[in-house]
Amino acid sequence: MAAFAVEDALLKAASTTLPVGEILILFGLGGALVFAVIALLGRDPLFPAAVLSRPMRIRAVFEITGRLFYVLAIALTPLSAATVILQATPLVVVAGAALVFGETVGWRRWGAIIVGLIGVIIVVQPGADGFSALSIFAILGMLGFAGRDLASRAAPKSLSTTILGLYGFLAVAVAGAMFSLWQAKPFVWLDWRTTIYMLAAIFTGAGAYACLMKAMRTGEVSAVTPFRYTRLLFGIALGVMLFDEALSGAMIFGSGLIVLSGLFILWRAKQTP
């Protein structure tokens, strides 16, 4: 989660000079190359038949949705606000694990999920003077990531974490190509500073992605996902320190509800539902 927060900050810094579509293409192809090299070194086949399975196709759709809208969110809105909204992902994943995989989630955890979602609404503040419609990008990105995580759980066990990372990053590149065609904005040559930002984001993101996929595939979903809340702390800290972002009372209160909900779900996962 710390690595994901650093990745977000690097991509936001790159977005000051590069179009979002170009960022996604470079980031996706770079991450795919990293995982392809790792797969070749580990003698993993790059094109196993299982990558065309239904869960993998669904996963690709959610990956494209999540990456596209979340990168738009961190490029166009404060990093701290986008990070807070993203923390609803574990709530949606736990709910999805109950509905899709039949994992037991008792009424207390359902109550915590509702409280956490209320926290997201407080942060977004629909109807308030400070409301930004661009916050919808972060919400759509969050839903995309939740769907990706659930589809990763259903992915064929024969596919290694490395292959999941390879095709996940290829989906990011596809998202960038699709958005570039729609936006019709010319690409920009990278200067040395932006090149460093992108290379650092690629390697940091690849490491973070591998850790997340390994955790999601080996641990119980409802027990693993609450640890994603730590990204909130790292993201807010980077937003304040690097981008001079201010924290409103609503954001602090909403963040508190989300974190408390996540901690409660984590605790209840170890108890009898």
Protein backbone atom coordinates (compact mmCIF):
# COMPACT_ATOMS: atom_id res chain seq x y z
CA MET A 1 0.00 0.00 0.00
CA ALA A 2 2.92 2.34 0.69
CA ALA A 3 4.31 1.56 -2.76
CA PHE A 4 0.93 2.23 -4.40
CA ALA A 5 0.79 5.65 -2.72
CA VAL A 6 4.26 6.50 -4.04
CA GLU A 7 3.19 5.33 -7.50
CA ASP A 8 0.15 7.65 -7.34
CA ALA A 9 2.33 10.62 -6.40
CA LEU A 10 4.75 9.92 -9.25
CA LEU A 11 1.95 9.62 -11.82
CA LYS A 12 0.36 12.83 -10.55
CA ALA A 13 3.71 14.60 -10.93
CA ALA A 14 4.05 13.24 -14.49
CA SER A 15 0.52 14.41 -15.34
CA THR A 16 1.65 18.05 -15.17
CA THR A 17 3.44 17.56 -18.51
CA LEU A 18 2.04 14.37 -20.07
CA PRO A 19 -1.52 13.62 -21.29
CA VAL A 20 -3.33 10.98 -19.23
CA GLY A 21 -3.56 8.60 -22.20
CA GLU A 22 0.18 8.73 -22.76
CA ILE A 23 0.84 8.13 -19.05
CA LEU A 24 -1.35 5.02 -19.09
CA ILE A 25 0.28 3.64 -22.23
CA LEU A 26 3.83 4.17 -20.95
CA PHE A 27 2.97 2.90 -17.48
CA GLY A 28 1.12 -0.14 -18.82
CA LEU A 29 3.78 -1.16 -21.34
CA GLY A 30 6.58 -0.56 -18.85
CA GLY A 31 4.92 -2.66 -16.15
CA ALA A 32 4.08 -5.39 -18.67
CA LEU A 33 7.73 -5.50 -19.75
CA VAL A 34 8.86 -5.90 -16.14
CA PHE A 35 6.50 -8.83 -15.56
CA ALA A 36 7.33 -10.38 -18.96
CA VAL A 37 11.04 -10.44 -18.06
CA ILE A 38 10.25 -11.97 -14.65
CA ALA A 39 8.03 -14.59 -16.32
CA LEU A 40 10.74 -15.53 -18.82
CA LEU A 41 13.35 -15.82 -16.07
CA GLY A 42 10.95 -18.05 -14.12
CA ARG A 43 10.11 -20.09 -17.25
CA ASP A 44 6.44 -19.11 -17.08
CA PRO A 45 4.67 -19.33 -20.47
CA LEU A 46 3.66 -15.86 -21.60
CA PHE A 47 0.52 -16.97 -23.47
CA PRO A 48 -1.17 -19.73 -21.47
CA ALA A 49 -4.65 -20.73 -22.59
CA ALA A 50 -6.07 -19.79 -19.18
CA VAL A 51 -5.61 -16.05 -19.88
CA LEU A 52 -8.66 -16.29 -22.16
CA SER A 53 -10.86 -17.71 -19.40
CA ARG A 54 -14.02 -15.86 -18.41
CA PRO A 55 -12.65 -14.55 -15.05
CA MET A 56 -9.60 -13.15 -16.85
CA ARG A 57 -11.75 -11.40 -19.46
CA ILE A 58 -13.87 -9.89 -16.71
CA ARG A 59 -10.73 -8.93 -14.82
CA ALA A 60 -9.36 -7.10 -17.87
CA VAL A 61 -12.54 -5.02 -18.19
CA PHE A 62 -12.40 -4.01 -14.53
CA GLU A 63 -8.65 -3.32 -14.75
CA ILE A 64 -9.18 -0.96 -17.68
CA THR A 65 -12.03 0.81 -15.86
CA GLY A 66 -10.19 1.12 -12.57
CA ARG A 67 -6.89 2.34 -13.98
CA LEU A 68 -8.37 4.81 -16.44
CA PHE A 69 -10.69 6.58 -14.04
CA TYR A 70 -8.33 6.52 -11.07
CA VAL A 71 -5.45 8.04 -13.05
CA LEU A 72 -7.89 10.71 -14.26
CA ALA A 73 -8.82 11.30 -10.62
CA ILE A 74 -5.27 11.73 -9.33
CA ALA A 75 -4.40 13.94 -12.32
CA LEU A 76 -7.42 16.25 -11.98
CA THR A 77 -8.24 16.21 -8.25
CA PRO A 78 -6.18 16.39 -5.03
CA LEU A 79 -4.21 13.21 -4.41
CA SER A 80 -5.40 13.06 -0.80
CA ALA A 81 -9.10 13.20 -1.80
CA ALA A 82 -8.72 10.54 -4.50
CA THR A 83 -6.84 8.29 -2.07
CA VAL A 84 -9.57 8.62 0.56
CA ILE A 85 -12.29 7.66 -1.92
CA LEU A 86 -10.23 4.70 -3.08
CA GLN A 87 -10.34 3.32 0.45
CA ALA A 88 -13.92 2.24 -0.16
CA THR A 89 -12.44 -0.56 -2.29
CA PRO A 90 -12.09 -3.00 0.65
CA LEU A 91 -15.71 -2.36 1.63
CA VAL A 92 -16.91 -3.24 -1.86
CA VAL A 93 -14.58 -6.25 -2.04
CA VAL A 94 -15.79 -7.67 1.28
CA ALA A 95 -19.40 -7.18 0.18
CA GLY A 96 -18.61 -8.76 -3.19
CA ALA A 97 -16.85 -11.70 -1.52
CA ALA A 98 -20.06 -12.41 0.38
CA LEU A 99 -22.32 -12.05 -2.64
CA VAL A 100 -20.11 -13.72 -5.27
CA PHE A 101 -17.99 -16.25 -3.37
CA GLY A 102 -20.35 -17.01 -0.50
CA GLU A 103 -17.91 -15.90 2.21
CA THR A 104 -19.68 -15.39 5.52
CA VAL A 105 -20.12 -11.72 6.42
CA GLY A 106 -22.28 -11.13 9.47
CA TRP A 107 -24.58 -8.20 10.13
CA ARG A 108 -21.90 -6.38 12.13
CA ARG A 109 -19.53 -6.32 9.20
CA TRP A 110 -22.37 -5.31 6.87
CA GLY A 111 -23.02 -2.43 9.27
CA ALA A 112 -19.35 -1.46 9.13
CA ILE A 113 -19.48 -1.49 5.33
CA ILE A 114 -22.44 0.92 5.39
CA VAL A 115 -20.66 3.22 7.86
CA GLY A 116 -17.56 3.24 5.65
CA LEU A 117 -19.60 4.14 2.58
CA ILE A 118 -21.19 6.97 4.55
CA GLY A 119 -17.63 8.16 5.21
CA VAL A 120 -17.00 8.24 1.46
CA ILE A 121 -20.15 10.32 0.94
CA ILE A 122 -18.96 12.77 3.60
CA VAL A 123 -15.62 13.13 1.80
CA VAL A 124 -17.24 13.63 -1.61
CA GLN A 125 -19.91 16.01 -0.18
CA PRO A 126 -22.47 15.78 -2.99
CA GLY A 127 -24.63 18.88 -3.05
CA ALA A 128 -22.13 20.99 -1.08
CA ASP A 129 -20.49 24.12 -2.48
CA GLY A 130 -17.09 22.43 -2.51
CA PHE A 131 -18.32 19.37 -4.39
CA SER A 132 -16.34 18.49 -7.52
CA ALA A 133 -17.96 16.32 -10.16
CA LEU A 134 -14.45 15.08 -10.94
CA SER A 135 -14.68 13.05 -7.71
CA ILE A 136 -16.88 10.67 -9.71
CA PHE A 137 -13.69 9.57 -11.50
CA ALA A 138 -12.25 8.36 -8.20
CA ILE A 139 -15.49 6.50 -7.38
CA LEU A 140 -15.54 4.78 -10.79
CA GLY A 141 -11.86 3.89 -10.39
CA MET A 142 -12.57 2.45 -6.95
CA LEU A 143 -15.37 0.25 -8.32
CA GLY A 144 -13.09 -0.92 -11.12
CA PHE A 145 -10.35 -1.94 -8.69
CA ALA A 146 -12.83 -3.78 -6.47
CA GLY A 147 -14.09 -5.77 -9.46
CA ARG A 148 -10.51 -6.53 -10.50
CA ASP A 149 -9.64 -7.85 -7.05
CA LEU A 150 -12.69 -10.11 -6.98
CA ALA A 151 -11.97 -11.39 -10.49
CA SER A 152 -8.36 -12.06 -9.45
CA ARG A 153 -9.72 -14.30 -6.73
CA ALA A 154 -11.64 -16.29 -9.35
CA ALA A 155 -8.74 -16.42 -11.83
CA PRO A 156 -7.46 -19.91 -12.70
CA LYS A 157 -4.97 -21.14 -10.10
CA SER A 158 -2.66 -22.21 -12.92
CA LEU A 159 -1.88 -18.56 -13.64
CA SER A 160 0.98 -17.20 -11.57
CA THR A 161 1.03 -13.77 -9.95
CA THR A 162 3.58 -12.77 -12.59
CA ILE A 163 1.22 -13.59 -15.46
CA LEU A 164 -1.62 -11.76 -13.72
CA GLY A 165 0.66 -8.73 -13.45
CA LEU A 166 1.68 -8.97 -17.11
CA TYR A 167 -1.88 -8.99 -18.43
CA GLY A 168 -3.03 -6.48 -15.82
CA PHE A 169 -0.50 -3.94 -17.08
CA LEU A 170 -1.31 -4.73 -20.70
CA ALA A 171 -4.91 -3.81 -19.83
CA VAL A 172 -3.60 -0.48 -18.50
CA ALA A 173 -1.93 0.19 -21.86
CA VAL A 174 -5.19 -0.66 -23.65
CA ALA A 175 -7.01 1.81 -21.39
CA GLY A 176 -4.48 4.48 -22.35
CA ALA A 177 -4.84 3.77 -26.06
CA MET A 178 -8.63 3.93 -25.86
CA PHE A 179 -8.56 7.21 -23.94
CA SER A 180 -5.95 8.71 -26.29
CA LEU A 181 -8.15 7.98 -29.31
CA TRP A 182 -11.12 9.59 -27.57
CA GLN A 183 -9.17 12.60 -26.29
CA ALA A 184 -7.24 13.10 -29.56
CA LYS A 185 -4.47 14.93 -27.73
CA PRO A 186 -0.93 14.79 -29.20
CA PHE A 187 1.73 12.93 -27.25
CA VAL A 188 4.58 14.84 -25.62
CA TRP A 189 8.29 14.03 -25.65
CA LEU A 190 9.51 13.17 -22.16
CA ASP A 191 12.10 15.41 -20.52
CA TRP A 192 14.61 13.90 -18.07
CA ARG A 193 12.48 14.73 -15.00
CA THR A 194 9.31 13.16 -16.38
CA THR A 195 11.31 10.13 -17.54
CA ILE A 196 12.51 9.57 -13.97
CA TYR A 197 8.94 9.95 -12.68
CA MET A 198 7.63 7.35 -15.13
CA LEU A 199 10.44 4.83 -14.61
CA ALA A 200 10.09 5.10 -10.84
CA ALA A 201 6.30 4.72 -11.10
CA ILE A 202 6.66 1.62 -13.30
CA PHE A 203 9.02 -0.24 -10.96
CA THR A 204 7.21 0.87 -7.81
CA GLY A 205 3.83 -0.02 -9.30
CA ALA A 206 5.02 -3.43 -10.50
CA GLY A 207 6.28 -4.30 -7.02
CA ALA A 208 3.09 -3.09 -5.36
CA TYR A 209 0.91 -4.95 -7.87
CA ALA A 210 2.75 -8.23 -7.32
CA CYS A 211 2.33 -7.93 -3.54
CA LEU A 212 -1.38 -7.16 -3.85
CA MET A 213 -2.14 -10.03 -6.23
CA LYS A 214 -0.21 -12.48 -4.03
CA ALA A 215 -2.16 -11.36 -0.97
CA MET A 216 -5.55 -11.48 -2.71
CA ARG A 217 -4.95 -14.99 -4.06
CA THR A 218 -3.57 -16.62 -0.90
CA GLY A 219 -5.51 -15.02 1.96
CA GLU A 220 -9.21 -14.84 2.76
CA VAL A 221 -10.54 -11.78 0.94
CA SER A 222 -12.41 -10.37 3.93
CA ALA A 223 -9.29 -10.69 6.10
CA VAL A 224 -6.71 -9.35 3.63
CA THR A 225 -8.51 -6.34 2.16
CA PRO A 226 -8.76 -4.19 5.33
CA PHE A 227 -4.98 -3.77 5.24
CA ARG A 228 -5.52 -1.65 2.13
CA TYR A 229 -6.64 1.17 4.43
CA THR A 230 -3.02 1.96 5.20
CA ARG A 231 -2.82 3.46 1.70
CA LEU A 232 -5.00 6.28 3.00
CA LEU A 233 -2.35 7.37 5.49
CA PHE A 234 0.47 7.25 2.95
CA GLY A 235 -1.60 9.00 0.25
CA ILE A 236 -2.73 11.84 2.49
CA ALA A 237 0.80 12.36 3.80
CA LEU A 238 2.25 12.56 0.28
CA GLY A 239 -0.53 14.89 -0.89
CA VAL A 240 0.09 17.30 1.97
CA MET A 241 3.90 17.18 1.83
CA LEU A 242 4.48 17.12 -1.94
CA PHE A 243 1.47 18.94 -3.41
CA ASP A 244 0.55 21.34 -0.59
CA GLU A 245 -2.97 19.94 -0.32
CA ALA A 246 -5.18 21.04 2.56
CA LEU A 247 -7.35 18.67 4.59
CA SER A 248 -10.91 19.75 5.32
CA GLY A 249 -12.83 18.78 8.43
CA ALA A 250 -15.19 16.68 6.31
CA MET A 251 -12.29 14.77 4.78
CA ILE A 252 -10.76 14.04 8.17
CA PHE A 253 -14.10 12.91 9.63
CA GLY A 254 -14.98 10.80 6.59
CA SER A 255 -11.52 9.25 6.59
CA GLY A 256 -11.93 8.38 10.25
CA LEU A 257 -15.19 6.55 9.54
CA ILE A 258 -13.59 4.61 6.70
CA VAL A 259 -10.56 3.59 8.75
CA LEU A 260 -12.65 2.59 11.78
CA SER A 261 -14.91 0.52 9.53
CA GLY A 262 -11.91 -1.24 8.02
CA LEU A 263 -10.37 -1.96 11.42
CA PHE A 264 -13.67 -3.33 12.69
CA ILE A 265 -14.03 -5.59 9.64
CA LEU A 266 -10.49 -6.82 10.21
CA TRP A 267 -11.28 -7.61 13.83
CA ARG A 268 -14.58 -9.30 13.01
CA ALA A 269 -12.88 -11.43 10.35
CA LYS A 270 -11.06 -13.17 13.18
CA GLN A 271 -14.25 -13.70 15.20
CA THR A 272 -17.38 -15.77 14.63
CA PRO A 273 -19.45 -13.83 12.03
